[in-house]
């Protein structure tokens, strides 16, 4: 985990937005889950995310936005199938 990710998770955990846990027998994986307090942020944050998305694609043709999203999803899919060594 990058230090910035670890720091962000720690801060969110301290604020009560997420909880972290491990499963018995697996010390490597850390499971991060939203708490009820974290879920409650959705109503406030979702409209902000939508506004940022509108700002990001302002002036870009709809077909270009759709093509970019398809390409990015394909890239993400490829990386999930073939993680780096």
Protein backbone atom coordinates (compact mmCIF):
# COMPACT_ATOMS: atom_id res chain seq x y z
CA UNK A 1 0.00 0.00 0.00
CA UNK A 2 1.28 3.47 -0.85
CA UNK A 3 1.87 5.67 2.20
CA UNK A 4 -0.79 8.10 0.97
CA UNK A 5 -3.37 5.31 0.81
CA UNK A 6 -2.45 4.08 4.26
CA UNK A 7 -2.65 7.62 5.64
CA UNK A 8 -6.04 8.22 4.00
CA UNK A 9 -7.42 4.96 5.37
CA UNK A 10 -6.11 5.73 8.82
CA UNK A 11 -7.74 9.16 8.78
CA UNK A 12 -11.07 7.76 7.56
CA UNK A 13 -10.94 5.04 10.20
CA UNK A 14 -10.22 7.59 12.94
CA UNK A 15 -13.20 9.64 11.75
CA UNK A 16 -15.38 6.53 11.90
CA UNK A 17 -16.09 6.28 8.15
CA UNK A 18 -14.43 2.91 7.54
CA UNK A 19 -13.33 -0.13 9.47
CA UNK A 20 -10.37 -2.34 8.64
CA UNK A 21 -10.04 -6.02 9.45
CA UNK A 22 -8.16 -9.17 8.54
CA UNK A 23 -9.42 -12.71 8.27
CA UNK A 24 -7.90 -15.50 10.33
CA UNK A 25 -5.14 -17.27 8.46
CA UNK A 26 -4.55 -14.38 6.04
CA UNK A 27 -2.30 -11.68 7.43
CA UNK A 28 -1.70 -10.11 4.02
CA UNK A 29 -5.17 -8.92 2.96
CA UNK A 30 -6.79 -5.99 4.72
CA UNK A 31 -10.55 -5.65 4.27
CA UNK A 32 -11.91 -2.10 4.32
CA UNK A 33 -15.63 -1.60 4.85
CA UNK A 34 -17.80 1.47 5.11
CA UNK A 35 -19.37 2.00 8.50
CA UNK A 36 -22.95 3.30 8.82
CA UNK A 37 -21.42 6.75 9.36
CA UNK A 38 -19.46 6.35 6.12
CA UNK A 39 -22.54 5.24 4.19
CA UNK A 40 -24.40 8.30 5.46
CA UNK A 41 -21.99 10.52 3.52
CA UNK A 42 -23.35 9.29 0.21
CA UNK A 43 -26.22 11.78 0.11
CA UNK A 44 -23.75 14.66 0.55
CA UNK A 45 -20.89 13.40 -1.62
CA UNK A 46 -22.69 11.90 -4.61
CA UNK A 47 -24.02 15.26 -5.90
CA UNK A 48 -20.51 16.72 -5.57
CA UNK A 49 -19.01 13.84 -7.56
CA UNK A 50 -21.66 14.28 -10.25
CA UNK A 51 -20.84 18.00 -10.51
CA UNK A 52 -17.11 17.26 -10.84
CA UNK A 53 -17.89 14.75 -13.58
CA UNK A 54 -20.00 17.33 -15.45
CA UNK A 55 -17.17 19.87 -15.17
CA UNK A 56 -14.60 17.34 -16.36
CA UNK A 57 -16.41 16.53 -19.60
CA UNK A 58 -17.72 20.00 -20.38
CA UNK A 59 -17.10 20.74 -24.04
CA UNK A 60 -16.21 17.13 -24.89
CA UNK A 61 -18.49 15.38 -27.35
CA UNK A 62 -20.66 12.63 -25.87
CA UNK A 63 -19.24 10.02 -28.24
CA UNK A 64 -15.72 10.91 -27.17
CA UNK A 65 -16.65 10.61 -23.49
CA UNK A 66 -18.24 7.21 -24.12
CA UNK A 67 -15.21 5.98 -26.08
CA UNK A 68 -12.85 7.15 -23.34
CA UNK A 69 -14.89 5.37 -20.67
CA UNK A 70 -14.91 2.15 -22.71
CA UNK A 71 -11.15 2.36 -23.20
CA UNK A 72 -10.50 3.01 -19.51
CA UNK A 73 -12.75 0.13 -18.46
CA UNK A 74 -10.89 -2.17 -20.86
CA UNK A 75 -7.55 -1.03 -19.41
CA UNK A 76 -8.77 -1.63 -15.86
CA UNK A 77 -10.04 -5.07 -16.89
CA UNK A 78 -6.68 -5.94 -18.43
CA UNK A 79 -4.82 -4.84 -15.31
CA UNK A 80 -7.10 -6.89 -13.08
CA UNK A 81 -6.50 -10.01 -15.20
CA UNK A 82 -2.74 -9.49 -15.43
CA UNK A 83 -1.42 -7.82 -12.28
CA UNK A 84 2.20 -6.81 -12.37
CA UNK A 85 4.69 -9.27 -10.88
